[in-house]
Structures are given as structure tokens and as C-alpha cells.
């Protein structure tokens, strides 16, 4: 298997996507942050000292998804047409889902993964004063797709 971000001499490179056609692209990523049940209750009641944790995490995730190419060195800058971030409270944490949509020459999976990661980190920051045992994990690409713009 050949890695696309490595040239013939083994050096990292940005892939040339100029010959590729623009397509409608979507990607969905998922992840979790494990929390103490009392912390989940505080999030649900907007009872954290720092404020509304899910609202702040949603905005942080959207900002991060839009800036993925500034954070991940070999990612291409993309025009993000939609970045939807959803949270599901669990008994022992929060499940985070991000869906990114774009029209371009390369996929949006890194943007969806970045959004989930930053949402989890933001929740960690919002809750660190009350929960010392938080664990972020399970961050994965759930699905990605592309289709012709004119079909």
C-alpha cells in the first residue's frame, strides 16, 4: 500500500489534488468523553461554573472544523458548507457526533474528526474543576461519501 502523503524518497508532502474533479462530500465522525454521573447531571442542568458546556463545545467544534488545515499540516483548506455537531448524554459521559459537508476535490473526514476531538477537549476543559477522572476516546470516522455535483 502506498501512502499518499509521502513522496518517492519518503518525505512528507501535500498531495496535488488539482487534477481531481470537485464533488459533493460528506463525513461523519463520532467520539466520547467518559464522565462521572454527577458531572453528566451538571452538564444536563447547565450547572457548571464555566457555563453551558454543550453550547460552548458545539461552537468550539465548528470553529476547529473550519480551521483543520491550520492544525493538521498536510490537510488542504476547504470551504465547509455545513458542520453539524450533536451531543447525546449517556449515564457515564457524552457521545459527540460531527457531520461535515463540502463541495471540493478532497474529503472532509479530517474536519469531522477535528470537530469531535475539539468538542471533547472543550468538554474536558469545562468539567475539569469537578471531574478528575475524565477519559476521551473512541474517536473514529463513522462514514464518508462523495457524489457528482451534477448528478
C-alpha atoms as a PDB file:
ATOM      1  CA  UNK A   1       0.000   0.000   0.000  1.00  0.00           C
ATOM      2  CA  UNK A   2       1.339   3.421  -0.990  1.00  0.00           C
ATOM      3  CA  UNK A   3       0.887   6.369   1.355  1.00  0.00           C
ATOM      4  CA  UNK A   4      -0.344   9.452  -0.495  1.00  0.00           C
ATOM      5  CA  UNK A   5       1.330  11.968   1.823  1.00  0.00           C
ATOM      6  CA  UNK A   6       4.836  10.575   1.266  1.00  0.00           C
ATOM      7  CA  UNK A   7       6.933  11.128  -1.862  1.00  0.00           C
ATOM      8  CA  UNK A   8       9.222   8.569  -3.554  1.00  0.00           C
ATOM      9  CA  UNK A   9      12.085   9.422  -1.187  1.00  0.00           C
ATOM     10  CA  UNK A  10       9.928   9.066   1.932  1.00  0.00           C
ATOM     11  CA  UNK A  11       9.464  12.780   2.627  1.00  0.00           C
ATOM     12  CA  UNK A  12       6.125  14.188   3.745  1.00  0.00           C
ATOM     13  CA  UNK A  13       4.278  16.155   1.095  1.00  0.00           C
ATOM     14  CA  UNK A  14       0.930  17.740   0.418  1.00  0.00           C
ATOM     15  CA  UNK A  15      -0.966  15.758  -2.213  1.00  0.00           C
ATOM     16  CA  UNK A  16      -1.659  17.541  -5.513  1.00  0.00           C
ATOM     17  CA  UNK A  17      -5.439  17.463  -5.871  1.00  0.00           C
ATOM     18  CA  UNK A  18      -5.595  19.855  -8.827  1.00  0.00           C
ATOM     19  CA  UNK A  19      -6.484  17.147 -11.402  1.00  0.00           C
ATOM     20  CA  UNK A  20      -9.387  15.818  -9.297  1.00  0.00           C
ATOM     21  CA  UNK A  21     -12.959  16.894 -10.053  1.00  0.00           C
ATOM     22  CA  UNK A  22     -14.943  18.793  -7.436  1.00  0.00           C
ATOM     23  CA  UNK A  23     -17.577  16.590  -5.781  1.00  0.00           C
ATOM     24  CA  UNK A  24     -20.194  16.829  -3.044  1.00  0.00           C
ATOM     25  CA  UNK A  25     -18.538  15.317   0.031  1.00  0.00           C
ATOM     26  CA  UNK A  26     -19.785  14.375   3.469  1.00  0.00           C
ATOM     27  CA  UNK A  27     -18.178  12.773   6.501  1.00  0.00           C
ATOM     28  CA  UNK A  28     -19.429  11.826   9.948  1.00  0.00           C
ATOM     29  CA  UNK A  29     -17.201  11.240  12.954  1.00  0.00           C
ATOM     30  CA  UNK A  30     -18.003  10.108  16.472  1.00  0.00           C
ATOM     31  CA  UNK A  31     -16.294  10.108  19.863  1.00  0.00           C
ATOM     32  CA  UNK A  32     -16.996  10.055  23.581  1.00  0.00           C
ATOM     33  CA  UNK A  33     -15.878  11.624  26.783  1.00  0.00           C
ATOM     34  CA  UNK A  34     -16.414   9.460  29.840  1.00  0.00           C
ATOM     35  CA  UNK A  35     -17.534  11.402  32.890  1.00  0.00           C
ATOM     36  CA  UNK A  36     -18.748  10.756  36.417  1.00  0.00           C
ATOM     37  CA  UNK A  37     -22.563  10.509  36.548  1.00  0.00           C
ATOM     38  CA  UNK A  38     -22.672  13.648  38.737  1.00  0.00           C
ATOM     39  CA  UNK A  39     -20.794  15.553  36.024  1.00  0.00           C
ATOM     40  CA  UNK A  40     -23.276  14.413  33.377  1.00  0.00           C
ATOM     41  CA  UNK A  41     -26.067  15.729  35.620  1.00  0.00           C
ATOM     42  CA  UNK A  42     -24.302  19.094  35.935  1.00  0.00           C
ATOM     43  CA  UNK A  43     -23.969  19.323  32.140  1.00  0.00           C
ATOM     44  CA  UNK A  44     -27.651  18.469  31.673  1.00  0.00           C
ATOM     45  CA  UNK A  45     -28.680  21.132  34.198  1.00  0.00           C
ATOM     46  CA  UNK A  46     -26.247  23.759  32.849  1.00  0.00           C
ATOM     47  CA  UNK A  47     -24.802  23.755  36.357  1.00  0.00           C
ATOM     48  CA  UNK A  48     -21.110  24.083  35.591  1.00  0.00           C
ATOM     49  CA  UNK A  49     -19.274  27.206  36.770  1.00  0.00           C
ATOM     50  CA  UNK A  50     -17.908  27.869  33.278  1.00  0.00           C
ATOM     51  CA  UNK A  51     -21.398  27.912  31.758  1.00  0.00           C
ATOM     52  CA  UNK A  52     -23.305  25.930  29.166  1.00  0.00           C
ATOM     53  CA  UNK A  53     -20.819  23.189  28.339  1.00  0.00           C
ATOM     54  CA  UNK A  54     -22.586  21.739  25.294  1.00  0.00           C
ATOM     55  CA  UNK A  55     -23.167  25.139  23.681  1.00  0.00           C
ATOM     56  CA  UNK A  56     -19.526  26.126  24.164  1.00  0.00           C
ATOM     57  CA  UNK A  57     -18.306  22.730  22.926  1.00  0.00           C
ATOM     58  CA  UNK A  58     -20.510  22.993  19.806  1.00  0.00           C
ATOM     59  CA  UNK A  59     -19.112  26.415  18.870  1.00  0.00           C
ATOM     60  CA  UNK A  60     -15.535  25.276  19.569  1.00  0.00           C
ATOM     61  CA  UNK A  61     -16.064  22.183  17.402  1.00  0.00           C
ATOM     62  CA  UNK A  62     -17.398  24.218  14.497  1.00  0.00           C
ATOM     63  CA  UNK A  63     -14.528  26.698  14.739  1.00  0.00           C
ATOM     64  CA  UNK A  64     -11.972  23.880  14.859  1.00  0.00           C
ATOM     65  CA  UNK A  65     -13.515  22.015  11.922  1.00  0.00           C
ATOM     66  CA  UNK A  66     -13.288  25.149   9.799  1.00  0.00           C
ATOM     67  CA  UNK A  67      -9.616  25.574  10.766  1.00  0.00           C
ATOM     68  CA  UNK A  68      -8.480  21.975  10.308  1.00  0.00           C
ATOM     69  CA  UNK A  69      -5.927  22.828   7.608  1.00  0.00           C
ATOM     70  CA  UNK A  70      -4.257  25.219  10.068  1.00  0.00           C
ATOM     71  CA  UNK A  71      -3.966  22.453  12.677  1.00  0.00           C
ATOM     72  CA  UNK A  72      -3.111  19.400  10.547  1.00  0.00           C
ATOM     73  CA  UNK A  73      -0.096  20.291   8.375  1.00  0.00           C
ATOM     74  CA  UNK A  74      -0.872  18.330   5.204  1.00  0.00           C
ATOM     75  CA  UNK A  75      -4.638  18.961   5.054  1.00  0.00           C
ATOM     76  CA  UNK A  76      -5.972  21.107   2.253  1.00  0.00           C
ATOM     77  CA  UNK A  77      -8.028  24.176   3.172  1.00  0.00           C
ATOM     78  CA  UNK A  78     -11.689  23.511   2.415  1.00  0.00           C
ATOM     79  CA  UNK A  79     -14.824  25.583   2.210  1.00  0.00           C
ATOM     80  CA  UNK A  80     -17.099  23.930   4.748  1.00  0.00           C
ATOM     81  CA  UNK A  81     -20.744  24.223   3.726  1.00  0.00           C
ATOM     82  CA  UNK A  82     -22.117  22.650   6.883  1.00  0.00           C
ATOM     83  CA  UNK A  83     -20.700  21.365  10.130  1.00  0.00           C
ATOM     84  CA  UNK A  84     -23.343  19.902  12.408  1.00  0.00           C
ATOM     85  CA  UNK A  85     -22.299  18.854  15.920  1.00  0.00           C
ATOM     86  CA  UNK A  86     -24.638  16.826  18.122  1.00  0.00           C
ATOM     87  CA  UNK A  87     -24.335  15.552  21.686  1.00  0.00           C
ATOM     88  CA  UNK A  88     -26.027  12.619  23.378  1.00  0.00           C
ATOM     89  CA  UNK A  89     -25.862  12.441  27.140  1.00  0.00           C
ATOM     90  CA  UNK A  90     -25.055   8.974  28.444  1.00  0.00           C
ATOM     91  CA  UNK A  91     -25.171   7.700  32.014  1.00  0.00           C
ATOM     92  CA  UNK A  92     -21.365   7.844  32.092  1.00  0.00           C
ATOM     93  CA  UNK A  93     -20.463  10.544  29.595  1.00  0.00           C
ATOM     94  CA  UNK A  94     -21.267  12.342  26.383  1.00  0.00           C
ATOM     95  CA  UNK A  95     -21.293  10.950  22.866  1.00  0.00           C
ATOM     96  CA  UNK A  96     -20.265  13.502  20.238  1.00  0.00           C
ATOM     97  CA  UNK A  97     -21.153  13.297  16.545  1.00  0.00           C
ATOM     98  CA  UNK A  98     -19.978  15.726  13.863  1.00  0.00           C
ATOM     99  CA  UNK A  99     -21.107  15.767  10.229  1.00  0.00           C
ATOM    100  CA  UNK A 100     -19.162  17.892   7.749  1.00  0.00           C
ATOM    101  CA  UNK A 101     -20.333  18.806   4.229  1.00  0.00           C
ATOM    102  CA  UNK A 102     -18.310  20.413   1.461  1.00  0.00           C
ATOM    103  CA  UNK A 103     -18.001  20.626  -2.294  1.00  0.00           C
ATOM    104  CA  UNK A 104     -14.422  20.168  -3.332  1.00  0.00           C
ATOM    105  CA  UNK A 105     -11.601  17.998  -4.554  1.00  0.00           C
ATOM    106  CA  UNK A 106     -10.812  16.236  -1.294  1.00  0.00           C
ATOM    107  CA  UNK A 107     -12.750  14.668   1.560  1.00  0.00           C
ATOM    108  CA  UNK A 108     -13.964  16.289   4.777  1.00  0.00           C
ATOM    109  CA  UNK A 109     -13.240  13.454   7.194  1.00  0.00           C
ATOM    110  CA  UNK A 110     -10.407  15.339   8.904  1.00  0.00           C
ATOM    111  CA  UNK A 111     -12.742  18.268   9.529  1.00  0.00           C
ATOM    112  CA  UNK A 112     -15.364  15.993  11.122  1.00  0.00           C
ATOM    113  CA  UNK A 113     -12.707  14.221  13.227  1.00  0.00           C
ATOM    114  CA  UNK A 114     -11.198  17.533  14.318  1.00  0.00           C
ATOM    115  CA  UNK A 115     -14.626  18.846  15.314  1.00  0.00           C
ATOM    116  CA  UNK A 116     -15.296  15.788  17.503  1.00  0.00           C
ATOM    117  CA  UNK A 117     -11.834  15.981  19.072  1.00  0.00           C
ATOM    118  CA  UNK A 118     -12.122  19.668  19.956  1.00  0.00           C
ATOM    119  CA  UNK A 119     -15.661  19.227  21.278  1.00  0.00           C
ATOM    120  CA  UNK A 120     -14.352  16.524  23.623  1.00  0.00           C
ATOM    121  CA  UNK A 121     -11.390  18.675  24.687  1.00  0.00           C
ATOM    122  CA  UNK A 122     -13.709  21.608  25.324  1.00  0.00           C
ATOM    123  CA  UNK A 123     -15.990  19.475  27.488  1.00  0.00           C
ATOM    124  CA  UNK A 124     -12.885  18.300  29.348  1.00  0.00           C
ATOM    125  CA  UNK A 125     -11.899  21.912  29.982  1.00  0.00           C
ATOM    126  CA  UNK A 126     -15.422  22.863  31.052  1.00  0.00           C
ATOM    127  CA  UNK A 127     -15.618  19.962  33.530  1.00  0.00           C
ATOM    128  CA  UNK A 128     -12.068  19.668  34.877  1.00  0.00           C
ATOM    129  CA  UNK A 129     -12.873  21.510  38.109  1.00  0.00           C
ATOM    130  CA  UNK A 130     -15.467  18.901  39.110  1.00  0.00           C
ATOM    131  CA  UNK A 131     -14.263  15.666  37.480  1.00  0.00           C
ATOM    132  CA  UNK A 132     -10.699  14.383  37.730  1.00  0.00           C
ATOM    133  CA  UNK A 133     -11.325  11.021  36.043  1.00  0.00           C
ATOM    134  CA  UNK A 134     -12.481  12.038  32.558  1.00  0.00           C
ATOM    135  CA  UNK A 135     -11.377   9.954  29.579  1.00  0.00           C
ATOM    136  CA  UNK A 136     -11.668  10.976  25.934  1.00  0.00           C
ATOM    137  CA  UNK A 137     -11.784   8.155  23.418  1.00  0.00           C
ATOM    138  CA  UNK A 138     -13.411   6.223  20.664  1.00  0.00           C
ATOM    139  CA  UNK A 139     -12.865   8.986  18.121  1.00  0.00           C
ATOM    140  CA  UNK A 140     -13.462   7.442  14.719  1.00  0.00           C
ATOM    141  CA  UNK A 141     -14.767   8.085  11.256  1.00  0.00           C
ATOM    142  CA  UNK A 142     -18.271   6.652  11.064  1.00  0.00           C
ATOM    143  CA  UNK A 143     -18.831   7.234   7.339  1.00  0.00           C
ATOM    144  CA  UNK A 144     -17.783   9.309   4.380  1.00  0.00           C
ATOM    145  CA  UNK A 145     -19.244   9.721   0.929  1.00  0.00           C
ATOM    146  CA  UNK A 146     -18.861  11.621  -2.295  1.00  0.00           C
ATOM    147  CA  UNK A 147     -21.069  12.121  -5.298  1.00  0.00           C
ATOM    148  CA  UNK A 148     -21.044  14.031  -8.530  1.00  0.00           C
ATOM    149  CA  UNK A 149     -22.087  17.657  -8.193  1.00  0.00           C
ATOM    150  CA  UNK A 150     -24.302  17.412 -11.254  1.00  0.00           C
ATOM    151  CA  UNK A 151     -25.843  14.024 -10.759  1.00  0.00           C
END
